[in-house]
Each structure stands twice: as structure tokens, then as C-alpha cells.
């Protein structure tokens, strides 16, 4: 009598997902406060990615922009007055009050970053926020008070991320015949130029800000990564091109050193484009031991 070979039982997809399955229940839409993933160690990142995809779908379905956001949006002149330091912004807070907020409030409140760093596109999550128009942009580009306040906002935001910056006033600024400053990247495209500003990791505060700003804690990675993209675009629109490039170079160094998770590779490409450095190659990331993944939506 021939020997019987042991065969592995094949279970259906429905049976594998039933019983003690750890996958999230299917949600086509609903309240995000009810969608969460508990931190756990997994042998593979596939389970985490599958669960994260479900939460992302729920997040997309939960977005319900108001149809009257254009009428509720403040006029562009209010944005100009706010960045000049003479007008009120979100919830009647002025610029000085927002800059005095602690990091916890910067982390948990989400309607102020559109005022500190405006762009020419409508905010996806806060469509009631002001939008930078060409007329207001031209006024901001020639207003020294707006430039000074933008630098102060950038310094506060970098400190929030656990970063720091320094300015080198000894580096000359290239100007044209009319006396207007010229971006030195166009003057010397082939050689690595020295920026008058440097952004770097603050060794004393970066570790304490890592959980809030640099680890994967939401379906898209980290909501502060969206803020970084906005800041880079806003700096370029308002003439702070050197600051935007220095900011990206710091992000690039964090990526190369392995201080950013591997999931941030998509954000790195977006940041590179936001800084206007599309042709710059992305460096290789140094691998580090993986820890437990957590994804919580609240």
C-alpha cells in the first residue's frame, strides 16, 4: 500500500479572517475616533501596512469639506496684517501669542500653521484658512517686517521639530544691477554653494521631540510631515529660498543618518520637490533596528 504524503490543509480566505484574526473590521466610512491600531511587534510590516490602508480609507471618507468655505475664508489683507504683526489670525490670536505657545499646543492645534506659512493652494484639512494671492505675495516680498516675522516663525517651527538654525552674515549676497538679491544657485549651478543659513539637528532636544514629530504615528506617517511640506513651499513663495534649501538639506542629512523611518521615503521626495531641488539625488538611508509600530487615529 503506497504511503500517504502529508498535505497542508488549505483554508479559505473567509476562514482565515474569522476567529482570532487581528485585522481591523471593514469600515467604508465613520468616526475616526473609533478607528485605532494598538502598538504591537510583527515579524513583517505587511500586517501593519494592511491595517494602515484601512484607516487611510476611513480618513479619506471622513473628510467632509464645507461648501461655503470660500465665503468663510478671511480676506488676503487679513493675512498680510497678521504676518506684519498688527492683525489677528485664527481664533483672534495674533502672531506674538501663537509664537508664545508651548510645543503641546503647537502639536494639538491645527488651524494656525496656514497663517504662519501661507501658500497659494487651499488647505485640504482647513479650507477656511487664508490663501496667498499674487497681490498679497508681491507686498510680502518687499516688506521687511513680514520677512523678519517669517524667520521668527521658522525658528519656532524648527525648535518644535527638535532642530536649530544659525545665520552666517559674512557670506555676501549676490545682487544684480538694480540692487536686487539674486539667488546664487543660478549664478553657480555646477558647484555646491555655501548657504548663509544652516539648519541642523539639536542634540539636546531632538530625542524628546522624536515621538511627536518623526515617528510613524498616523496613516500618512506623521501629520507634522505635511506641515514641513507647507513650510518649504511657503518659504520659497515668500522669497526665503536659502532657508528652504537649508531646511531640506537638514532633512536629507536626517534621512541619510537613519534618524527618519523608512516610511518617510515618500515624504523625502515631496520635500525635495517642495524645496525646488527635484534634480538632487536622494542619498542612501542608513538602516537601523526596527521597533514596534504604532498607528492611532484620534
Protein backbone atom coordinates (compact mmCIF):
# COMPACT_ATOMS: atom_id res chain seq x y z
CA UNK A 1 0.00 0.00 0.00
CA UNK A 2 1.59 3.34 -1.04
CA UNK A 3 2.44 5.71 1.73
CA UNK A 4 0.25 8.76 2.11
CA UNK A 5 2.03 12.12 1.87
CA UNK A 6 1.17 14.72 4.47
CA UNK A 7 -0.59 17.63 2.80
CA UNK A 8 -1.03 21.09 4.24
CA UNK A 9 -4.64 22.00 4.73
CA UNK A 10 -5.78 24.97 2.69
CA UNK A 11 -8.18 27.32 4.42
CA UNK A 12 -10.39 29.75 2.61
CA UNK A 13 -9.82 33.49 2.84
CA UNK A 14 -13.00 33.96 4.83
CA UNK A 15 -11.98 31.33 7.37
CA UNK A 16 -8.52 32.85 7.78
CA UNK A 17 -10.05 36.23 8.53
CA UNK A 18 -12.55 34.85 11.02
CA UNK A 19 -11.99 33.77 14.57
CA UNK A 20 -8.78 35.18 16.06
CA UNK A 21 -7.89 37.43 13.16
CA UNK A 22 -6.11 40.65 14.17
CA UNK A 23 -7.21 42.63 11.14
CA UNK A 24 -9.44 45.62 11.63
CA UNK A 25 -13.09 45.27 10.68
CA UNK A 26 -14.05 46.70 7.34
CA UNK A 27 -15.05 50.37 7.52
CA UNK A 28 -16.18 52.27 4.47
CA UNK A 29 -16.62 55.44 6.49
CA UNK A 30 -17.28 56.54 10.02
CA UNK A 31 -15.90 58.39 13.01
CA UNK A 32 -12.10 58.33 13.10
CA UNK A 33 -12.11 58.33 16.88
CA UNK A 34 -13.36 54.74 16.68
CA UNK A 35 -10.55 53.63 14.33
CA UNK A 36 -7.29 52.67 16.02
CA UNK A 37 -4.48 50.21 15.91
CA UNK A 38 -2.80 49.04 19.08
CA UNK A 39 1.02 49.01 19.17
CA UNK A 40 2.43 45.56 18.58
CA UNK A 41 5.50 43.79 17.27
CA UNK A 42 5.15 41.99 13.97
CA UNK A 43 7.55 39.77 12.07
CA UNK A 44 6.61 41.53 8.87
CA UNK A 45 5.43 45.03 8.03
CA UNK A 46 2.68 43.66 5.78
CA UNK A 47 0.11 43.38 8.56
CA UNK A 48 0.80 46.93 9.65
CA UNK A 49 0.53 48.26 6.10
CA UNK A 50 -2.76 46.45 5.53
CA UNK A 51 -4.29 47.85 8.68
CA UNK A 52 -2.92 51.30 7.92
CA UNK A 53 -4.51 51.20 4.48
CA UNK A 54 -7.92 50.57 6.04
CA UNK A 55 -7.51 53.52 8.36
CA UNK A 56 -6.44 55.72 5.45
CA UNK A 57 -9.61 54.79 3.56
CA UNK A 58 -11.69 55.70 6.60
CA UNK A 59 -9.83 59.00 6.90
CA UNK A 60 -10.50 59.86 3.25
CA UNK A 61 -14.19 59.04 3.58
CA UNK A 62 -14.47 61.11 6.75
CA UNK A 63 -13.36 64.36 5.04
CA UNK A 64 -16.45 66.48 4.51
CA UNK A 65 -15.40 69.98 3.43
CA UNK A 66 -17.95 72.69 3.92
CA UNK A 67 -19.46 74.01 0.68
CA UNK A 68 -19.32 77.60 1.99
CA UNK A 69 -15.61 77.67 2.85
CA UNK A 70 -14.85 80.37 0.25
CA UNK A 71 -17.35 82.73 1.87
CA UNK A 72 -15.99 81.96 5.37
CA UNK A 73 -12.35 82.46 4.38
CA UNK A 74 -10.82 85.73 5.64
CA UNK A 75 -9.63 88.25 3.05
CA UNK A 76 -5.98 88.16 1.96
CA UNK A 77 -5.44 91.56 3.59
CA UNK A 78 -6.06 89.91 6.98
CA UNK A 79 -3.20 87.51 6.29
CA UNK A 80 -0.89 90.40 5.40
CA UNK A 81 -1.78 92.26 8.59
CA UNK A 82 -1.26 89.11 10.64
CA UNK A 83 2.25 88.48 9.31
CA UNK A 84 3.08 92.15 9.83
CA UNK A 85 2.18 91.64 13.48
CA UNK A 86 -0.66 94.15 13.55
CA UNK A 87 -3.68 91.89 12.97
CA UNK A 88 -5.37 88.85 14.46
CA UNK A 89 -5.34 85.39 12.97
CA UNK A 90 -7.00 82.07 13.85
CA UNK A 91 -9.49 82.35 16.70
CA UNK A 92 -8.45 86.01 17.15
CA UNK A 93 -4.91 85.08 18.23
CA UNK A 94 -2.17 87.36 16.97
CA UNK A 95 1.31 86.38 15.85
CA UNK A 96 3.02 87.07 19.17
CA UNK A 97 0.53 84.94 21.08
CA UNK A 98 0.99 81.97 18.75
CA UNK A 99 4.77 82.20 18.95
CA UNK A 100 4.50 82.04 22.75
CA UNK A 101 2.50 78.80 22.69
CA UNK A 102 4.22 75.71 24.08
CA UNK A 103 5.01 72.69 21.94
CA UNK A 104 1.98 70.74 23.19
CA UNK A 105 -0.36 73.36 21.81
CA UNK A 106 1.58 73.53 18.55
CA UNK A 107 1.15 69.77 18.28
CA UNK A 108 -2.55 69.57 19.15
CA UNK A 109 -3.92 72.68 17.42
CA UNK A 110 -4.08 72.53 13.65
CA UNK A 111 -5.54 75.79 12.32
CA UNK A 112 -2.59 78.14 12.87
CA UNK A 113 0.11 76.75 10.56
CA UNK A 114 -1.79 78.02 7.49
CA UNK A 115 -1.45 81.56 8.88
CA UNK A 116 2.22 81.33 9.80
CA UNK A 117 3.23 79.77 6.47
CA UNK A 118 0.64 80.61 3.79
CA UNK A 119 0.66 79.09 0.32
CA UNK A 120 -1.27 79.70 -2.89
CA UNK A 121 -3.28 76.50 -2.52
CA UNK A 122 -6.34 75.80 -0.38
CA UNK A 123 -5.69 73.70 2.71
CA UNK A 124 -7.17 70.22 2.38
CA UNK A 125 -7.95 69.86 6.08
CA UNK A 126 -8.72 73.54 6.86
CA UNK A 127 -10.23 75.08 3.73
CA UNK A 128 -11.37 78.07 5.78
CA UNK A 129 -7.73 79.17 6.16
CA UNK A 130 -6.49 82.15 4.11
CA UNK A 131 -4.84 81.61 0.73
CA UNK A 132 -1.88 83.59 -0.59
CA UNK A 133 -2.92 85.68 -3.61
CA UNK A 134 -0.46 87.16 -6.16
CA UNK A 135 -1.21 90.71 -4.99
CA UNK A 136 -0.53 89.94 -1.31
CA UNK A 137 2.50 87.87 -2.27
CA UNK A 138 4.05 90.86 -4.06
CA UNK A 139 3.51 93.04 -1.00
CA UNK A 140 5.04 90.45 1.32
CA UNK A 141 8.12 90.04 -0.86
CA UNK A 142 9.09 93.69 -0.38
CA UNK A 143 8.00 94.04 3.26
CA UNK A 144 10.97 93.64 5.68
CA UNK A 145 8.65 93.23 8.68
CA UNK A 146 6.98 90.23 7.05
CA UNK A 147 10.38 88.71 6.30
CA UNK A 148 11.56 89.15 9.89
CA UNK A 149 8.38 87.56 11.24
CA UNK A 150 8.66 84.66 8.80
CA UNK A 151 12.17 83.97 10.07
CA UNK A 152 10.85 84.02 13.64
CA UNK A 153 8.09 81.57 12.69
CA UNK A 154 10.66 79.33 11.04
CA UNK A 155 12.90 79.37 14.12
CA UNK A 156 9.95 78.41 16.31
CA UNK A 157 8.91 75.62 13.95
CA UNK A 158 12.44 74.24 13.76
CA UNK A 159 12.64 74.26 17.56
CA UNK A 160 9.30 72.42 17.63
CA UNK A 161 10.85 69.72 15.42
CA UNK A 162 13.95 69.44 17.60
CA UNK A 163 16.08 71.33 15.07
CA UNK A 164 18.00 74.59 15.18
CA UNK A 165 19.40 77.14 12.75
CA UNK A 166 22.24 79.63 12.54
CA UNK A 167 22.90 82.53 10.17
CA UNK A 168 26.27 83.43 8.68
CA UNK A 169 26.25 87.14 7.92
CA UNK A 170 29.78 87.04 6.47
CA UNK A 171 28.57 85.34 3.28
CA UNK A 172 27.93 88.05 0.66
CA UNK A 173 24.57 88.30 -1.08
CA UNK A 174 24.74 88.36 -4.89
CA UNK A 175 22.82 91.30 -6.38
CA UNK A 176 22.00 92.41 -9.90
CA UNK A 177 22.46 95.84 -11.48
CA UNK A 178 19.28 97.15 -9.85
CA UNK A 179 20.47 96.07 -6.40
CA UNK A 180 18.00 93.22 -6.04
CA UNK A 181 19.29 89.99 -4.48
CA UNK A 182 19.89 87.14 -6.92
CA UNK A 183 19.68 83.50 -5.92
CA UNK A 184 23.26 82.25 -6.05
CA UNK A 185 22.14 78.82 -7.29
CA UNK A 186 21.56 80.35 -10.71
CA UNK A 187 24.94 82.11 -10.59
CA UNK A 188 26.89 78.91 -9.80
CA UNK A 189 24.80 75.87 -10.79
CA UNK A 190 27.69 73.41 -11.07
CA UNK A 191 29.36 73.87 -7.69
CA UNK A 192 27.99 73.34 -4.20
CA UNK A 193 27.32 76.78 -2.84
CA UNK A 194 27.58 77.85 0.77
CA UNK A 195 24.27 78.99 2.22
CA UNK A 196 24.03 81.98 4.58
CA UNK A 197 21.80 79.88 6.86
CA UNK A 198 22.31 76.40 8.26
CA UNK A 199 19.66 74.10 9.75
CA UNK A 200 20.87 71.24 11.91
CA UNK A 201 19.72 68.72 14.49
CA UNK A 202 19.67 69.94 18.07
CA UNK A 203 21.28 67.12 20.01
CA UNK A 204 19.62 68.19 23.27
CA UNK A 205 16.02 68.42 22.07
CA UNK A 206 15.73 66.17 19.00
CA UNK A 207 15.29 63.00 21.03
CA UNK A 208 12.49 64.49 23.14
CA UNK A 209 10.66 65.69 20.01
CA UNK A 210 11.12 62.42 18.12
CA UNK A 211 7.88 60.74 19.20
CA UNK A 212 5.68 63.70 18.25
CA UNK A 213 7.42 64.74 15.05
CA UNK A 214 9.47 61.97 13.49
CA UNK A 215 7.96 58.52 14.11
CA UNK A 216 5.04 56.97 12.22
CA UNK A 217 2.00 57.78 14.35
CA UNK A 218 -0.78 58.21 11.77
CA UNK A 219 -1.80 56.58 8.46
CA UNK A 220 0.10 59.13 6.37
CA UNK A 221 3.21 58.75 8.54
CA UNK A 222 3.14 61.85 10.74
CA UNK A 223 0.92 64.91 10.39
CA UNK A 224 3.91 67.17 11.07
CA UNK A 225 5.42 65.93 7.80
CA UNK A 226 2.57 67.70 5.99
CA UNK A 227 3.49 70.85 7.90
CA UNK A 228 7.09 70.53 6.71
CA UNK A 229 5.91 70.40 3.10
CA UNK A 230 3.82 73.52 3.63
CA UNK A 231 6.71 75.37 5.27
CA UNK A 232 9.08 74.58 2.40
CA UNK A 233 6.59 75.76 -0.22
CA UNK A 234 5.72 78.90 1.75
CA UNK A 235 9.36 79.88 2.25
CA UNK A 236 10.00 79.69 -1.48
CA UNK A 237 6.87 81.64 -2.37
CA UNK A 238 7.81 84.42 0.03
CA UNK A 239 11.42 84.75 -1.07
CA UNK A 240 13.23 82.78 1.66
CA UNK A 241 14.82 80.38 -0.82
CA UNK A 242 18.05 79.92 1.11
CA UNK A 243 16.12 78.99 4.26
CA UNK A 244 14.02 76.48 2.32
CA UNK A 245 17.09 74.81 0.83
CA UNK A 246 18.92 74.72 4.18
CA UNK A 247 15.83 73.15 5.77
CA UNK A 248 15.72 70.43 3.13
CA UNK A 249 19.45 69.73 3.43
CA UNK A 250 18.91 69.12 7.14
CA UNK A 251 16.05 66.72 6.38
CA UNK A 252 18.29 64.98 3.88
CA UNK A 253 21.02 64.54 6.49
CA UNK A 254 18.49 63.12 8.96
CA UNK A 255 17.34 60.67 6.31
CA UNK A 256 20.88 59.59 5.44
CA UNK A 257 21.74 59.07 9.12
CA UNK A 258 18.69 56.87 9.70
CA UNK A 259 17.00 59.35 12.04
CA UNK A 260 13.84 59.18 9.90
CA UNK A 261 11.85 55.95 9.43
CA UNK A 262 11.98 54.17 6.12
CA UNK A 263 8.32 55.03 5.60
CA UNK A 264 9.41 58.67 5.12
CA UNK A 265 10.95 57.98 1.71
CA UNK A 266 7.77 59.23 0.01
CA UNK A 267 7.83 62.38 2.13
CA UNK A 268 11.51 62.92 1.28
CA UNK A 269 10.62 63.06 -2.42
CA UNK A 270 7.82 65.53 -1.72
CA UNK A 271 10.11 67.69 0.44
CA UNK A 272 12.76 67.68 -2.27
CA UNK A 273 10.21 68.92 -4.79
CA UNK A 274 8.80 71.48 -2.34
CA UNK A 275 12.29 72.91 -1.84
CA UNK A 276 12.82 73.20 -5.60
CA UNK A 277 15.56 70.56 -5.69
CA UNK A 278 13.93 67.97 -7.93
CA UNK A 279 17.20 67.08 -9.69
CA UNK A 280 19.10 66.44 -6.47
CA UNK A 281 19.60 62.68 -5.91
CA UNK A 282 18.25 61.20 -2.70
CA UNK A 283 21.06 59.75 -0.55
CA UNK A 284 21.05 56.18 0.68
CA UNK A 285 19.49 55.73 4.10
CA UNK A 286 21.41 54.09 6.90
CA UNK A 287 19.41 51.18 8.29
CA UNK A 288 18.66 50.97 11.99
CA UNK A 289 17.00 48.28 14.13
CA UNK A 290 13.22 48.43 13.86
CA UNK A 291 10.98 48.96 16.85
CA UNK A 292 7.25 48.36 17.41
CA UNK A 293 4.89 50.10 15.03
CA UNK A 294 2.01 52.15 16.33
CA UNK A 295 -0.78 53.86 14.46
CA UNK A 296 -3.53 55.67 16.34
CA UNK A 297 -6.18 57.97 14.97
CA UNK A 298 -7.97 60.18 17.45
